[in-house]
Amino acid sequence: MRAWMDVFRTVIAVAMLATSTAMAQEEPLTVAERSGFEQTSTSAQVESFLGELDRKSDRTWLGSIGTSKEGKDLPLLVVADPRVTGAKSARSSDRLVVLLFGNIHAGEVAGKEALLALARELALGERSALLDDLIVCFLPNYNPDGNDAMSPDNRPGQVGPQAMG
């Protein structure tokens, strides 16, 4: 198995590639991509996007890590090749399990949108060598309650999107 730093560098490189080429990708596009990066996804749109990836890919498993204080789902998309179907099958693999999560602070939406693009790239794009050594778990919207409290008045002085949590 690769050294931790090599794995980290590879994950960062793939994330940068996915976000830099995102506009050239086929469907599904994220809310940010469809809006020219003027808007960000609601929790329902994140769930819908992850559901679409799961329906279209044989590398994914869509689960949940629970619900928020307001009862919103915390969807988790697991991307692996070969596919895993939950924690038990991931544990039985000899691959490192990596959790990528974003939108801890609801106004910091770039990570959420980048994780959606990266999830699409790994789920639907050409098979990545990353999946030889890793099982990648995506939790792009860790704070759905704050995320959905969008207003153009939140975070004054922040450049974009038009409204955020």
Protein backbone atom coordinates (compact mmCIF):
# COMPACT_ATOMS: atom_id res chain seq x y z
CA MET A 1 0.00 0.00 0.00
CA ARG A 2 1.23 3.51 -0.77
CA ALA A 3 2.61 5.73 1.96
CA TRP A 4 0.04 8.06 3.57
CA MET A 5 1.56 11.17 2.01
CA ASP A 6 1.47 9.66 -1.47
CA VAL A 7 -2.19 8.77 -1.00
CA PHE A 8 -2.96 12.29 0.26
CA ARG A 9 -1.15 13.90 -2.69
CA THR A 10 -3.02 11.68 -5.12
CA VAL A 11 -6.41 12.52 -3.57
CA ILE A 12 -5.60 16.25 -3.78
CA ALA A 13 -4.45 15.92 -7.39
CA VAL A 14 -7.62 14.08 -8.42
CA ALA A 15 -9.77 16.65 -6.59
CA MET A 16 -8.02 19.48 -8.42
CA LEU A 17 -8.39 17.70 -11.75
CA ALA A 18 -12.07 16.98 -11.14
CA THR A 19 -12.86 20.57 -10.24
CA SER A 20 -10.78 22.06 -13.06
CA THR A 21 -12.43 19.87 -15.71
CA ALA A 22 -15.91 19.83 -14.20
CA MET A 23 -17.51 22.06 -16.81
CA ALA A 24 -16.45 19.63 -19.54
CA GLN A 25 -18.13 16.72 -17.79
CA GLU A 26 -21.35 15.14 -18.86
CA GLU A 27 -24.42 14.96 -16.68
CA PRO A 28 -25.04 15.20 -13.90
CA LEU A 29 -23.72 18.69 -13.30
CA THR A 30 -23.67 20.18 -9.84
CA VAL A 31 -25.80 23.22 -9.00
CA ALA A 32 -22.61 25.28 -8.94
CA GLU A 33 -21.62 24.11 -12.43
CA ARG A 34 -25.12 24.65 -13.87
CA SER A 35 -25.26 28.20 -12.45
CA GLY A 36 -21.80 29.31 -13.54
CA PHE A 37 -20.71 28.98 -9.88
CA GLU A 38 -23.21 31.60 -8.73
CA GLN A 39 -25.33 29.21 -6.62
CA THR A 40 -24.75 26.32 -4.27
CA SER A 41 -26.66 23.11 -3.63
CA THR A 42 -29.40 22.71 -1.07
CA SER A 43 -29.41 19.54 1.02
CA ALA A 44 -32.14 18.08 -1.19
CA GLN A 45 -30.07 18.81 -4.29
CA VAL A 46 -27.01 17.14 -2.74
CA GLU A 47 -29.10 14.04 -1.95
CA SER A 48 -30.54 14.00 -5.46
CA PHE A 49 -27.08 14.35 -7.04
CA LEU A 50 -25.64 11.51 -4.94
CA GLY A 51 -28.68 9.37 -5.73
CA GLU A 52 -28.18 9.92 -9.43
CA LEU A 53 -24.51 8.94 -9.19
CA ASP A 54 -25.51 5.80 -7.31
CA ARG A 55 -28.09 4.85 -9.93
CA LYS A 56 -25.63 5.37 -12.81
CA SER A 57 -22.52 3.74 -11.37
CA ASP A 58 -21.52 0.20 -10.51
CA ARG A 59 -18.78 1.57 -8.22
CA THR A 60 -21.04 3.20 -5.63
CA TRP A 61 -23.07 2.45 -2.56
CA LEU A 62 -25.31 5.14 -1.07
CA GLY A 63 -25.96 5.08 2.64
CA SER A 64 -26.39 7.50 5.50
CA ILE A 65 -24.50 8.26 8.69
CA GLY A 66 -27.66 9.52 10.42
CA THR A 67 -29.74 12.67 10.58
CA SER A 68 -29.16 16.26 11.61
CA LYS A 69 -30.78 17.99 14.57
CA GLU A 70 -33.60 19.10 12.22
CA GLY A 71 -34.02 15.55 10.92
CA LYS A 72 -32.28 15.97 7.56
CA ASP A 73 -30.44 12.97 6.20
CA LEU A 74 -26.62 12.86 6.17
CA PRO A 75 -26.04 10.89 2.95
CA LEU A 76 -22.76 9.06 2.45
CA LEU A 77 -21.67 7.92 -1.00
CA VAL A 78 -19.03 5.19 -1.00
CA VAL A 79 -17.02 4.76 -4.20
CA ALA A 80 -14.94 1.61 -4.63
CA ASP A 81 -13.88 -0.73 -7.40
CA PRO A 82 -14.86 -3.41 -6.83
CA ARG A 83 -17.95 -1.96 -5.19
CA VAL A 84 -18.55 -2.35 -1.46
CA THR A 85 -22.01 -2.46 0.07
CA GLY A 86 -21.40 -1.13 3.54
CA ALA A 87 -18.99 -1.12 6.45
CA LYS A 88 -18.65 -4.91 6.69
CA SER A 89 -17.57 -5.34 3.07
CA ALA A 90 -15.25 -2.31 3.33
CA ARG A 91 -13.58 -3.79 6.42
CA SER A 92 -13.00 -7.09 4.65
CA SER A 93 -11.16 -5.26 1.86
CA ASP A 94 -7.43 -4.65 2.08
CA ARG A 95 -7.93 -1.08 0.90
CA LEU A 96 -7.64 2.05 3.01
CA VAL A 97 -11.00 3.71 3.72
CA VAL A 98 -10.87 7.50 3.32
CA LEU A 99 -13.64 9.85 4.46
CA LEU A 100 -13.93 13.19 2.64
CA PHE A 101 -16.41 15.61 4.13
CA GLY A 102 -17.33 19.21 3.49
CA ASN A 103 -19.67 22.00 4.43
CA ILE A 104 -18.94 21.79 8.14
CA HIS A 105 -19.41 25.56 8.24
CA ALA A 106 -22.45 26.22 6.08
CA GLY A 107 -21.08 29.29 4.32
CA GLU A 108 -17.95 27.48 3.19
CA VAL A 109 -19.57 25.74 0.25
CA ALA A 110 -16.63 25.28 -2.11
CA GLY A 111 -15.65 21.99 -0.48
CA LYS A 112 -19.20 20.65 -0.78
CA GLU A 113 -19.35 21.44 -4.48
CA ALA A 114 -15.81 20.14 -5.15
CA LEU A 115 -16.63 16.86 -3.38
CA LEU A 116 -19.71 16.41 -5.57
CA ALA A 117 -17.57 16.91 -8.69
CA LEU A 118 -14.90 14.52 -7.39
CA ALA A 119 -17.52 11.91 -6.50
CA ARG A 120 -18.89 12.16 -10.04
CA GLU A 121 -15.40 11.78 -11.48
CA LEU A 122 -14.63 8.65 -9.46
CA ALA A 123 -18.11 7.14 -9.87
CA LEU A 124 -18.73 7.81 -13.56
CA GLY A 125 -15.40 8.78 -15.11
CA GLU A 126 -12.64 6.55 -16.36
CA ARG A 127 -11.58 4.07 -13.71
CA SER A 128 -9.05 5.75 -11.43
CA ALA A 129 -5.94 4.05 -10.06
CA LEU A 130 -6.92 5.61 -6.73
CA LEU A 131 -9.51 2.89 -6.38
CA ASP A 132 -6.77 0.22 -6.43
CA ASP A 133 -5.77 1.23 -2.90
CA LEU A 134 -8.68 3.26 -1.56
CA ILE A 135 -12.35 3.14 -0.75
CA VAL A 136 -13.48 6.76 -0.93
CA CYS A 137 -16.42 7.84 1.22
CA PHE A 138 -18.08 11.16 0.41
CA LEU A 139 -20.04 13.15 3.00
CA PRO A 140 -20.27 16.46 1.11
CA ASN A 141 -22.87 18.16 3.32
CA TYR A 142 -21.97 17.58 6.97
CA ASN A 143 -24.15 20.51 8.10
CA PRO A 144 -27.45 20.30 6.19
CA ASP A 145 -29.34 22.47 8.69
CA GLY A 146 -26.94 25.37 8.34
CA ASN A 147 -26.56 24.76 4.61
CA ASP A 148 -30.27 25.25 3.99
CA ALA A 149 -30.47 28.47 6.01
CA MET A 150 -29.35 30.30 2.86
CA SER A 151 -29.50 34.05 2.57
CA PRO A 152 -27.64 36.65 0.51
CA ASP A 153 -27.06 38.46 3.81
CA ASN A 154 -25.05 35.61 5.38
CA ARG A 155 -21.27 36.07 5.54
CA PRO A 156 -21.04 39.71 4.38
CA GLY A 157 -17.95 40.37 2.34
CA GLN A 158 -17.65 36.80 1.08
CA VAL A 159 -17.40 36.70 -2.70
CA GLY A 160 -19.97 34.15 -3.88
CA PRO A 161 -22.17 32.33 -4.08
CA GLN A 162 -25.24 34.57 -4.31
CA ALA A 163 -26.63 33.03 -1.10
CA MET A 164 -25.18 30.58 1.35
CA GLY A 165 -25.98 29.16 4.79
